[in-house]
Amino acid sequence: MSNPEMKRMNFEVSPELAERAAQMPYGIKSHVLRIILERVLDSVEQKGTLVYGAVLDGNFRIEFKT
């Protein structure tokens, strides 16, 4: 069940991206997108708005620890 304090966000994606996202396991998409958005906003708070430009230019990488 949804948390009533949570806010819903909607945005457009290309049909190809929607098809790729449809391959994600059921129930995980919102959690993953929420975490990615939080990481980007954390980076903006630390480094400033140049992070937005880096994301838009494709110069923002997501790395994971193994």
C-alpha atoms as a PDB file:
ATOM      1  CA  MET A   1       0.000   0.000   0.000  1.00  0.00           C
ATOM      2  CA  SER A   2       1.207   3.530  -0.785  1.00  0.00           C
ATOM      3  CA  ASN A   3       2.397   5.874   1.915  1.00  0.00           C
ATOM      4  CA  PRO A   4      -0.075   8.814   1.946  1.00  0.00           C
ATOM      5  CA  GLU A   5       2.779  11.250   2.636  1.00  0.00           C
ATOM      6  CA  MET A   6       4.610  10.273  -0.563  1.00  0.00           C
ATOM      7  CA  LYS A   7       4.220  12.460  -3.651  1.00  0.00           C
ATOM      8  CA  ARG A   8       3.807  11.044  -7.151  1.00  0.00           C
ATOM      9  CA  MET A   9       6.046  12.273  -9.985  1.00  0.00           C
ATOM     10  CA  ASN A  10       5.287  11.712 -13.658  1.00  0.00           C
ATOM     11  CA  PHE A  11       7.614  12.299 -16.599  1.00  0.00           C
ATOM     12  CA  GLU A  12       7.798  11.343 -20.249  1.00  0.00           C
ATOM     13  CA  VAL A  13      10.248   8.843 -21.704  1.00  0.00           C
ATOM     14  CA  SER A  14      10.770   7.526 -25.206  1.00  0.00           C
ATOM     15  CA  PRO A  15       9.024   4.300 -26.216  1.00  0.00           C
ATOM     16  CA  GLU A  16      12.414   2.581 -26.345  1.00  0.00           C
ATOM     17  CA  LEU A  17      13.284   3.626 -22.788  1.00  0.00           C
ATOM     18  CA  ALA A  18       9.846   2.552 -21.568  1.00  0.00           C
ATOM     19  CA  GLU A  19      10.387  -0.861 -23.174  1.00  0.00           C
ATOM     20  CA  ARG A  20      13.765  -1.222 -21.472  1.00  0.00           C
ATOM     21  CA  ALA A  21      12.321  -0.121 -18.123  1.00  0.00           C
ATOM     22  CA  ALA A  22       9.539  -2.687 -18.493  1.00  0.00           C
ATOM     23  CA  GLN A  23      12.214  -5.378 -18.127  1.00  0.00           C
ATOM     24  CA  MET A  24      12.896  -4.314 -14.530  1.00  0.00           C
ATOM     25  CA  PRO A  25      11.570  -6.698 -11.873  1.00  0.00           C
ATOM     26  CA  TYR A  26       8.048  -5.947 -10.705  1.00  0.00           C
ATOM     27  CA  GLY A  27       7.848  -3.434  -7.875  1.00  0.00           C
ATOM     28  CA  ILE A  28      11.448  -2.218  -8.048  1.00  0.00           C
ATOM     29  CA  LYS A  29      11.233   0.579 -10.635  1.00  0.00           C
ATOM     30  CA  SER A  30       9.926   3.285  -8.288  1.00  0.00           C
ATOM     31  CA  HIS A  31      12.485   2.402  -5.624  1.00  0.00           C
ATOM     32  CA  VAL A  32      15.392   2.536  -8.090  1.00  0.00           C
ATOM     33  CA  LEU A  33      14.254   5.824  -9.651  1.00  0.00           C
ATOM     34  CA  ARG A  34      13.716   7.372  -6.211  1.00  0.00           C
ATOM     35  CA  ILE A  35      17.255   6.439  -5.130  1.00  0.00           C
ATOM     36  CA  ILE A  36      18.811   7.705  -8.377  1.00  0.00           C
ATOM     37  CA  LEU A  37      16.957  11.027  -8.057  1.00  0.00           C
ATOM     38  CA  GLU A  38      18.116  11.336  -4.457  1.00  0.00           C
ATOM     39  CA  ARG A  39      21.750  10.670  -5.468  1.00  0.00           C
ATOM     40  CA  VAL A  40      21.617  13.316  -8.204  1.00  0.00           C
ATOM     41  CA  LEU A  41      20.112  15.872  -5.823  1.00  0.00           C
ATOM     42  CA  ASP A  42      22.719  14.997  -3.171  1.00  0.00           C
ATOM     43  CA  SER A  43      25.413  15.641  -5.794  1.00  0.00           C
ATOM     44  CA  VAL A  44      23.846  19.001  -6.655  1.00  0.00           C
ATOM     45  CA  GLU A  45      23.853  19.967  -2.979  1.00  0.00           C
ATOM     46  CA  GLN A  46      27.544  19.043  -2.737  1.00  0.00           C
ATOM     47  CA  LYS A  47      28.869  20.267  -6.096  1.00  0.00           C
ATOM     48  CA  GLY A  48      26.288  22.791  -7.283  1.00  0.00           C
ATOM     49  CA  THR A  49      24.094  23.076 -10.318  1.00  0.00           C
ATOM     50  CA  LEU A  50      26.889  22.109 -12.721  1.00  0.00           C
ATOM     51  CA  VAL A  51      25.788  18.551 -11.924  1.00  0.00           C
ATOM     52  CA  TYR A  52      22.635  19.144 -14.000  1.00  0.00           C
ATOM     53  CA  GLY A  53      24.803  20.051 -16.991  1.00  0.00           C
ATOM     54  CA  ALA A  54      26.923  16.960 -16.453  1.00  0.00           C
ATOM     55  CA  VAL A  55      23.818  14.748 -16.402  1.00  0.00           C
ATOM     56  CA  LEU A  56      22.388  16.381 -19.536  1.00  0.00           C
ATOM     57  CA  ASP A  57      25.748  16.124 -21.352  1.00  0.00           C
ATOM     58  CA  GLY A  58      26.150  12.456 -20.423  1.00  0.00           C
ATOM     59  CA  ASN A  59      29.135  13.190 -18.155  1.00  0.00           C
ATOM     60  CA  PHE A  60      27.542  11.855 -14.965  1.00  0.00           C
ATOM     61  CA  ARG A  61      28.330   8.235 -14.200  1.00  0.00           C
ATOM     62  CA  ILE A  62      26.657   5.915 -11.790  1.00  0.00           C
ATOM     63  CA  GLU A  63      29.163   3.528 -10.287  1.00  0.00           C
ATOM     64  CA  PHE A  64      28.611   0.735  -7.831  1.00  0.00           C
ATOM     65  CA  LYS A  65      30.780  -0.930  -5.254  1.00  0.00           C
ATOM     66  CA  THR A  66      31.499  -4.631  -5.571  1.00  0.00           C
END
